[in-house]
């Protein structure tokens, strides 16, 4: 029992940013679907996997032995997000653009995993300035604010409709199934993925921070 409590405390200390992202994502899903059972089941399961990551990693080791170590984490984060998007978050987006959107999520995660060291070297001055101007809690909030802003700017083309997220009405509803809006959703997803990476990624020289933030959704 003492060992479990110790793992729980360590998991909370090291992975609280990822746990916060899971909680916010679960709330987002509940706002869209209104299904508390799914929010608790999926959010709780993901949180337990993070809190006891060592045990979870050993459980799935037979499934990941053929995967290069650097790609296991992107697989565990990006693929579930892509599945959630296809099954619950795509709205009225047609199948082809929804699949392309999901492919961008997965492809971006694996691209970043492959070239992360090179990207970090090139963006080192940016990270220093980012950390000086934006604390981590602020960046965690922006992870949700920026994609929402981009969605209403590019897809709805009316920032005044953001109030619809809180139960208000929209003066310019857009259907992702037509009018070229499907492409704008794909573009918004690509831009949002870049924004989330730039907000949360930490250089490899800070492994404690890197391990905590890369559990999202980076998600």
C-alpha atoms as a PDB file:
ATOM      1  CA  UNK A   1       0.000   0.000   0.000  1.00  0.00           C
ATOM      2  CA  UNK A   2       2.870   2.345   0.820  1.00  0.00           C
ATOM      3  CA  UNK A   3       4.402   1.704  -2.592  1.00  0.00           C
ATOM      4  CA  UNK A   4       1.145   2.549  -4.370  1.00  0.00           C
ATOM      5  CA  UNK A   5       0.790   5.765  -2.372  1.00  0.00           C
ATOM      6  CA  UNK A   6       4.384   6.688  -3.221  1.00  0.00           C
ATOM      7  CA  UNK A   7       3.767   6.091  -6.944  1.00  0.00           C
ATOM      8  CA  UNK A   8       0.598   8.173  -6.765  1.00  0.00           C
ATOM      9  CA  UNK A   9       2.378  11.131  -5.148  1.00  0.00           C
ATOM     10  CA  UNK A  10       5.244  10.904  -7.646  1.00  0.00           C
ATOM     11  CA  UNK A  11       2.817  10.686 -10.549  1.00  0.00           C
ATOM     12  CA  UNK A  12       0.981  13.791  -9.348  1.00  0.00           C
ATOM     13  CA  UNK A  13       4.227  15.692  -8.888  1.00  0.00           C
ATOM     14  CA  UNK A  14       5.733  14.829 -12.252  1.00  0.00           C
ATOM     15  CA  UNK A  15       2.688  14.684 -14.500  1.00  0.00           C
ATOM     16  CA  UNK A  16       0.278  17.305 -13.202  1.00  0.00           C
ATOM     17  CA  UNK A  17       0.353  19.285 -16.490  1.00  0.00           C
ATOM     18  CA  UNK A  18      -0.733  16.227 -18.476  1.00  0.00           C
ATOM     19  CA  UNK A  19      -3.376  15.410 -15.837  1.00  0.00           C
ATOM     20  CA  UNK A  20      -4.729  18.943 -16.122  1.00  0.00           C
ATOM     21  CA  UNK A  21      -4.924  18.580 -19.903  1.00  0.00           C
ATOM     22  CA  UNK A  22      -6.829  15.317 -19.514  1.00  0.00           C
ATOM     23  CA  UNK A  23      -9.289  17.010 -17.147  1.00  0.00           C
ATOM     24  CA  UNK A  24      -9.852  19.930 -19.521  1.00  0.00           C
ATOM     25  CA  UNK A  25     -10.244  17.564 -22.475  1.00  0.00           C
ATOM     26  CA  UNK A  26     -12.779  15.504 -20.528  1.00  0.00           C
ATOM     27  CA  UNK A  27     -14.745  18.663 -19.727  1.00  0.00           C
ATOM     28  CA  UNK A  28     -14.615  19.647 -23.402  1.00  0.00           C
ATOM     29  CA  UNK A  29     -16.014  16.253 -24.398  1.00  0.00           C
ATOM     30  CA  UNK A  30     -18.741  16.520 -21.757  1.00  0.00           C
ATOM     31  CA  UNK A  31     -19.668  19.975 -23.059  1.00  0.00           C
ATOM     32  CA  UNK A  32     -20.017  18.558 -26.586  1.00  0.00           C
ATOM     33  CA  UNK A  33     -21.774  15.285 -25.767  1.00  0.00           C
ATOM     34  CA  UNK A  34     -23.232  15.676 -22.293  1.00  0.00           C
ATOM     35  CA  UNK A  35     -22.286  12.083 -21.420  1.00  0.00           C
ATOM     36  CA  UNK A  36     -20.917  12.019 -17.886  1.00  0.00           C
ATOM     37  CA  UNK A  37     -20.231   8.271 -17.971  1.00  0.00           C
ATOM     38  CA  UNK A  38     -17.803   8.641 -20.873  1.00  0.00           C
ATOM     39  CA  UNK A  39     -16.102  11.648 -19.301  1.00  0.00           C
ATOM     40  CA  UNK A  40     -15.489   9.735 -16.081  1.00  0.00           C
ATOM     41  CA  UNK A  41     -14.497   6.479 -17.795  1.00  0.00           C
ATOM     42  CA  UNK A  42     -12.132   7.876 -20.418  1.00  0.00           C
ATOM     43  CA  UNK A  43     -10.744  10.694 -18.269  1.00  0.00           C
ATOM     44  CA  UNK A  44     -10.320   8.434 -15.252  1.00  0.00           C
ATOM     45  CA  UNK A  45      -8.656   5.684 -17.266  1.00  0.00           C
ATOM     46  CA  UNK A  46      -6.203   8.085 -18.917  1.00  0.00           C
ATOM     47  CA  UNK A  47      -5.404   9.692 -15.559  1.00  0.00           C
ATOM     48  CA  UNK A  48      -4.708   6.345 -13.898  1.00  0.00           C
ATOM     49  CA  UNK A  49      -2.443   5.325 -16.784  1.00  0.00           C
ATOM     50  CA  UNK A  50      -0.433   8.518 -16.261  1.00  0.00           C
ATOM     51  CA  UNK A  51      -0.336   8.362 -12.470  1.00  0.00           C
ATOM     52  CA  UNK A  52       0.927   4.783 -12.566  1.00  0.00           C
ATOM     53  CA  UNK A  53       2.795   5.120 -15.828  1.00  0.00           C
ATOM     54  CA  UNK A  54       5.484   2.600 -14.909  1.00  0.00           C
ATOM     55  CA  UNK A  55       2.917  -0.129 -14.273  1.00  0.00           C
ATOM     56  CA  UNK A  56       0.973   0.832 -17.394  1.00  0.00           C
ATOM     57  CA  UNK A  57       4.145   0.742 -19.481  1.00  0.00           C
ATOM     58  CA  UNK A  58       4.963  -2.765 -18.265  1.00  0.00           C
ATOM     59  CA  UNK A  59       1.408  -3.911 -19.045  1.00  0.00           C
ATOM     60  CA  UNK A  60       1.582  -2.807 -22.675  1.00  0.00           C
ATOM     61  CA  UNK A  61       5.253  -3.698 -23.213  1.00  0.00           C
ATOM     62  CA  UNK A  62       4.422  -6.805 -25.296  1.00  0.00           C
ATOM     63  CA  UNK A  63       2.454  -4.555 -27.661  1.00  0.00           C
ATOM     64  CA  UNK A  64       5.201  -1.939 -28.030  1.00  0.00           C
ATOM     65  CA  UNK A  65       8.335  -4.091 -28.303  1.00  0.00           C
ATOM     66  CA  UNK A  66       8.421  -3.695 -32.086  1.00  0.00           C
ATOM     67  CA  UNK A  67       8.032   0.107 -31.895  1.00  0.00           C
ATOM     68  CA  UNK A  68      11.121   2.361 -31.629  1.00  0.00           C
ATOM     69  CA  UNK A  69      11.231   3.779 -28.057  1.00  0.00           C
ATOM     70  CA  UNK A  70      10.961   7.384 -29.205  1.00  0.00           C
ATOM     71  CA  UNK A  71       7.662   6.680 -30.953  1.00  0.00           C
ATOM     72  CA  UNK A  72       5.836   4.891 -28.141  1.00  0.00           C
ATOM     73  CA  UNK A  73       4.700   8.073 -26.405  1.00  0.00           C
ATOM     74  CA  UNK A  74       3.371   9.721 -29.611  1.00  0.00           C
ATOM     75  CA  UNK A  75       1.509   6.504 -30.349  1.00  0.00           C
ATOM     76  CA  UNK A  76      -0.069   6.464 -26.879  1.00  0.00           C
ATOM     77  CA  UNK A  77      -1.128  10.110 -27.056  1.00  0.00           C
ATOM     78  CA  UNK A  78      -1.896  10.979 -30.681  1.00  0.00           C
ATOM     79  CA  UNK A  79      -3.768   7.820 -31.671  1.00  0.00           C
ATOM     80  CA  UNK A  80      -6.355   8.027 -28.846  1.00  0.00           C
ATOM     81  CA  UNK A  81      -6.905  11.717 -29.649  1.00  0.00           C
ATOM     82  CA  UNK A  82      -7.401  10.871 -33.327  1.00  0.00           C
ATOM     83  CA  UNK A  83      -9.887   8.139 -32.407  1.00  0.00           C
ATOM     84  CA  UNK A  84     -11.774  10.541 -30.140  1.00  0.00           C
ATOM     85  CA  UNK A  85     -11.910  13.069 -32.955  1.00  0.00           C
ATOM     86  CA  UNK A  86     -13.268  10.581 -35.478  1.00  0.00           C
ATOM     87  CA  UNK A  87     -15.810   9.088 -33.088  1.00  0.00           C
ATOM     88  CA  UNK A  88     -16.954  12.098 -31.047  1.00  0.00           C
ATOM     89  CA  UNK A  89     -15.539  15.476 -32.118  1.00  0.00           C
ATOM     90  CA  UNK A  90     -15.788  15.673 -35.909  1.00  0.00           C
ATOM     91  CA  UNK A  91     -19.312  17.104 -35.878  1.00  0.00           C
ATOM     92  CA  UNK A  92     -20.760  17.365 -39.377  1.00  0.00           C
ATOM     93  CA  UNK A  93     -17.381  17.194 -41.086  1.00  0.00           C
ATOM     94  CA  UNK A  94     -17.442  14.703 -43.949  1.00  0.00           C
ATOM     95  CA  UNK A  95     -15.530  11.420 -43.663  1.00  0.00           C
ATOM     96  CA  UNK A  96     -12.653  12.311 -45.973  1.00  0.00           C
ATOM     97  CA  UNK A  97     -11.775  15.596 -44.280  1.00  0.00           C
ATOM     98  CA  UNK A  98     -12.291  14.009 -40.831  1.00  0.00           C
ATOM     99  CA  UNK A  99      -9.810  11.257 -41.729  1.00  0.00           C
ATOM    100  CA  UNK A 100      -7.359  13.848 -43.015  1.00  0.00           C
ATOM    101  CA  UNK A 101      -7.747  15.831 -39.787  1.00  0.00           C
ATOM    102  CA  UNK A 102      -7.061  12.706 -37.703  1.00  0.00           C
ATOM    103  CA  UNK A 103      -4.076  11.862 -39.917  1.00  0.00           C
ATOM    104  CA  UNK A 104      -2.633  15.323 -39.270  1.00  0.00           C
ATOM    105  CA  UNK A 105      -2.881  14.749 -35.509  1.00  0.00           C
ATOM    106  CA  UNK A 106      -1.034  11.419 -35.699  1.00  0.00           C
ATOM    107  CA  UNK A 107       1.435  12.501 -38.372  1.00  0.00           C
ATOM    108  CA  UNK A 108       2.385  15.658 -36.526  1.00  0.00           C
ATOM    109  CA  UNK A 109       3.044  13.723 -33.310  1.00  0.00           C
ATOM    110  CA  UNK A 110       5.343  11.262 -35.071  1.00  0.00           C
ATOM    111  CA  UNK A 111       7.117  14.017 -37.031  1.00  0.00           C
ATOM    112  CA  UNK A 112       7.852  15.897 -33.823  1.00  0.00           C
ATOM    113  CA  UNK A 113       9.060  12.708 -32.130  1.00  0.00           C
ATOM    114  CA  UNK A 114      11.446  12.059 -35.023  1.00  0.00           C
ATOM    115  CA  UNK A 115      12.888  15.578 -35.277  1.00  0.00           C
ATOM    116  CA  UNK A 116      12.367  16.897 -31.753  1.00  0.00           C
ATOM    117  CA  UNK A 117      16.049  17.343 -30.965  1.00  0.00           C
ATOM    118  CA  UNK A 118      16.676  19.351 -34.135  1.00  0.00           C
ATOM    119  CA  UNK A 119      13.548  21.443 -33.547  1.00  0.00           C
ATOM    120  CA  UNK A 120      14.562  22.180 -29.962  1.00  0.00           C
ATOM    121  CA  UNK A 121      18.023  23.310 -31.036  1.00  0.00           C
ATOM    122  CA  UNK A 122      16.602  25.734 -33.575  1.00  0.00           C
ATOM    123  CA  UNK A 123      13.905  27.056 -31.254  1.00  0.00           C
ATOM    124  CA  UNK A 124      16.021  27.413 -28.105  1.00  0.00           C
ATOM    125  CA  UNK A 125      15.826  31.260 -28.146  1.00  0.00           C
ATOM    126  CA  UNK A 126      12.057  31.061 -28.633  1.00  0.00           C
ATOM    127  CA  UNK A 127      11.649  28.723 -25.643  1.00  0.00           C
ATOM    128  CA  UNK A 128      13.691  31.053 -23.444  1.00  0.00           C
ATOM    129  CA  UNK A 129      11.554  34.057 -24.389  1.00  0.00           C
ATOM    130  CA  UNK A 130       8.331  32.032 -24.109  1.00  0.00           C
ATOM    131  CA  UNK A 131       9.172  30.879 -20.606  1.00  0.00           C
ATOM    132  CA  UNK A 132      10.071  34.427 -19.615  1.00  0.00           C
ATOM    133  CA  UNK A 133       6.773  35.863 -20.824  1.00  0.00           C
ATOM    134  CA  UNK A 134       4.346  32.983 -20.169  1.00  0.00           C
ATOM    135  CA  UNK A 135       4.246  30.836 -17.061  1.00  0.00           C
ATOM    136  CA  UNK A 136       3.319  27.188 -17.493  1.00  0.00           C
ATOM    137  CA  UNK A 137      -0.232  27.595 -16.066  1.00  0.00           C
ATOM    138  CA  UNK A 138      -0.877  30.387 -18.588  1.00  0.00           C
ATOM    139  CA  UNK A 139       0.421  28.204 -21.404  1.00  0.00           C
ATOM    140  CA  UNK A 140      -1.816  25.356 -20.261  1.00  0.00           C
ATOM    141  CA  UNK A 141      -4.849  27.618 -20.601  1.00  0.00           C
ATOM    142  CA  UNK A 142      -3.686  28.869 -24.002  1.00  0.00           C
ATOM    143  CA  UNK A 143      -3.550  25.264 -25.236  1.00  0.00           C
ATOM    144  CA  UNK A 144      -7.360  25.415 -25.263  1.00  0.00           C
ATOM    145  CA  UNK A 145      -7.839  29.110 -25.984  1.00  0.00           C
ATOM    146  CA  UNK A 146      -5.722  29.192 -29.165  1.00  0.00           C
ATOM    147  CA  UNK A 147      -7.490  26.302 -31.001  1.00  0.00           C
ATOM    148  CA  UNK A 148     -10.885  27.759 -30.064  1.00  0.00           C
ATOM    149  CA  UNK A 149      -9.790  31.181 -31.326  1.00  0.00           C
ATOM    150  CA  UNK A 150      -8.534  29.669 -34.585  1.00  0.00           C
ATOM    151  CA  UNK A 151     -11.745  27.678 -35.042  1.00  0.00           C
ATOM    152  CA  UNK A 152     -13.980  30.719 -34.807  1.00  0.00           C
ATOM    153  CA  UNK A 153     -11.568  32.867 -36.815  1.00  0.00           C
ATOM    154  CA  UNK A 154     -11.047  30.433 -39.707  1.00  0.00           C
ATOM    155  CA  UNK A 155     -14.091  28.147 -39.710  1.00  0.00           C
ATOM    156  CA  UNK A 156     -16.901  30.358 -38.400  1.00  0.00           C
ATOM    157  CA  UNK A 157     -15.141  33.533 -39.587  1.00  0.00           C
ATOM    158  CA  UNK A 158     -16.772  35.413 -36.741  1.00  0.00           C
ATOM    159  CA  UNK A 159     -15.038  35.769 -33.377  1.00  0.00           C
ATOM    160  CA  UNK A 160     -18.234  37.210 -31.956  1.00  0.00           C
ATOM    161  CA  UNK A 161     -19.743  33.705 -32.050  1.00  0.00           C
ATOM    162  CA  UNK A 162     -17.413  32.356 -29.359  1.00  0.00           C
ATOM    163  CA  UNK A 163     -20.251  32.858 -26.879  1.00  0.00           C
ATOM    164  CA  UNK A 164     -21.964  29.873 -28.510  1.00  0.00           C
ATOM    165  CA  UNK A 165     -19.564  27.667 -26.550  1.00  0.00           C
ATOM    166  CA  UNK A 166     -21.287  28.782 -23.358  1.00  0.00           C
ATOM    167  CA  UNK A 167     -24.788  28.150 -24.630  1.00  0.00           C
ATOM    168  CA  UNK A 168     -25.299  31.343 -26.609  1.00  0.00           C
ATOM    169  CA  UNK A 169     -26.464  31.632 -30.196  1.00  0.00           C
ATOM    170  CA  UNK A 170     -24.412  32.055 -33.326  1.00  0.00           C
ATOM    171  CA  UNK A 171     -25.249  34.550 -36.031  1.00  0.00           C
ATOM    172  CA  UNK A 172     -23.244  32.726 -38.689  1.00  0.00           C
ATOM    173  CA  UNK A 173     -23.497  28.941 -38.265  1.00  0.00           C
ATOM    174  CA  UNK A 174     -21.177  26.960 -40.511  1.00  0.00           C
ATOM    175  CA  UNK A 175     -21.513  23.342 -41.572  1.00  0.00           C
ATOM    176  CA  UNK A 176     -18.119  21.620 -41.978  1.00  0.00           C
ATOM    177  CA  UNK A 177     -19.687  19.368 -44.591  1.00  0.00           C
ATOM    178  CA  UNK A 178     -19.817  22.016 -47.263  1.00  0.00           C
ATOM    179  CA  UNK A 179     -18.703  25.369 -48.564  1.00  0.00           C
ATOM    180  CA  UNK A 180     -15.008  24.567 -48.247  1.00  0.00           C
ATOM    181  CA  UNK A 181     -15.269  24.627 -44.460  1.00  0.00           C
ATOM    182  CA  UNK A 182     -13.906  21.077 -44.246  1.00  0.00           C
ATOM    183  CA  UNK A 183     -10.586  22.336 -45.594  1.00  0.00           C
ATOM    184  CA  UNK A 184     -10.581  25.160 -43.063  1.00  0.00           C
ATOM    185  CA  UNK A 185     -11.014  22.635 -40.253  1.00  0.00           C
ATOM    186  CA  UNK A 186      -8.028  20.683 -41.570  1.00  0.00           C
ATOM    187  CA  UNK A 187      -6.008  23.918 -41.690  1.00  0.00           C
ATOM    188  CA  UNK A 188      -7.160  24.862 -38.198  1.00  0.00           C
ATOM    189  CA  UNK A 189      -6.091  21.457 -36.892  1.00  0.00           C
ATOM    190  CA  UNK A 190      -2.612  21.820 -38.401  1.00  0.00           C
ATOM    191  CA  UNK A 191      -2.175  25.320 -36.973  1.00  0.00           C
ATOM    192  CA  UNK A 192      -3.536  24.244 -33.587  1.00  0.00           C
ATOM    193  CA  UNK A 193      -1.126  21.299 -33.429  1.00  0.00           C
ATOM    194  CA  UNK A 194       1.794  23.649 -34.082  1.00  0.00           C
ATOM    195  CA  UNK A 195       0.527  26.091 -31.445  1.00  0.00           C
ATOM    196  CA  UNK A 196       0.098  23.368 -28.816  1.00  0.00           C
ATOM    197  CA  UNK A 197       3.598  22.069 -29.482  1.00  0.00           C
ATOM    198  CA  UNK A 198       5.142  25.527 -29.222  1.00  0.00           C
ATOM    199  CA  UNK A 199       3.269  26.219 -25.985  1.00  0.00           C
ATOM    200  CA  UNK A 200       3.969  22.947 -24.173  1.00  0.00           C
ATOM    201  CA  UNK A 201       7.159  21.479 -25.557  1.00  0.00           C
ATOM    202  CA  UNK A 202      10.220  21.753 -23.348  1.00  0.00           C
ATOM    203  CA  UNK A 203      13.800  21.282 -24.552  1.00  0.00           C
ATOM    204  CA  UNK A 204      15.252  17.859 -23.841  1.00  0.00           C
ATOM    205  CA  UNK A 205      17.660  19.435 -21.364  1.00  0.00           C
ATOM    206  CA  UNK A 206      14.708  19.641 -18.958  1.00  0.00           C
ATOM    207  CA  UNK A 207      13.568  15.998 -18.818  1.00  0.00           C
ATOM    208  CA  UNK A 208      11.352  16.492 -15.792  1.00  0.00           C
ATOM    209  CA  UNK A 209       9.307  19.142 -17.585  1.00  0.00           C
ATOM    210  CA  UNK A 210       9.419  17.365 -20.922  1.00  0.00           C
ATOM    211  CA  UNK A 211       8.060  14.141 -19.483  1.00  0.00           C
ATOM    212  CA  UNK A 212       5.170  15.945 -17.850  1.00  0.00           C
ATOM    213  CA  UNK A 213       3.986  17.980 -20.798  1.00  0.00           C
ATOM    214  CA  UNK A 214       4.340  15.378 -23.529  1.00  0.00           C
ATOM    215  CA  UNK A 215       1.693  13.154 -21.991  1.00  0.00           C
ATOM    216  CA  UNK A 216      -1.435  15.318 -23.806  1.00  0.00           C
ATOM    217  CA  UNK A 217      -2.501  15.412 -25.841  1.00  0.00           C
ATOM    218  CA  UNK A 218      -0.005  17.003 -27.041  1.00  0.00           C
ATOM    219  CA  UNK A 219      -1.875  16.571 -27.106  1.00  0.00           C
END
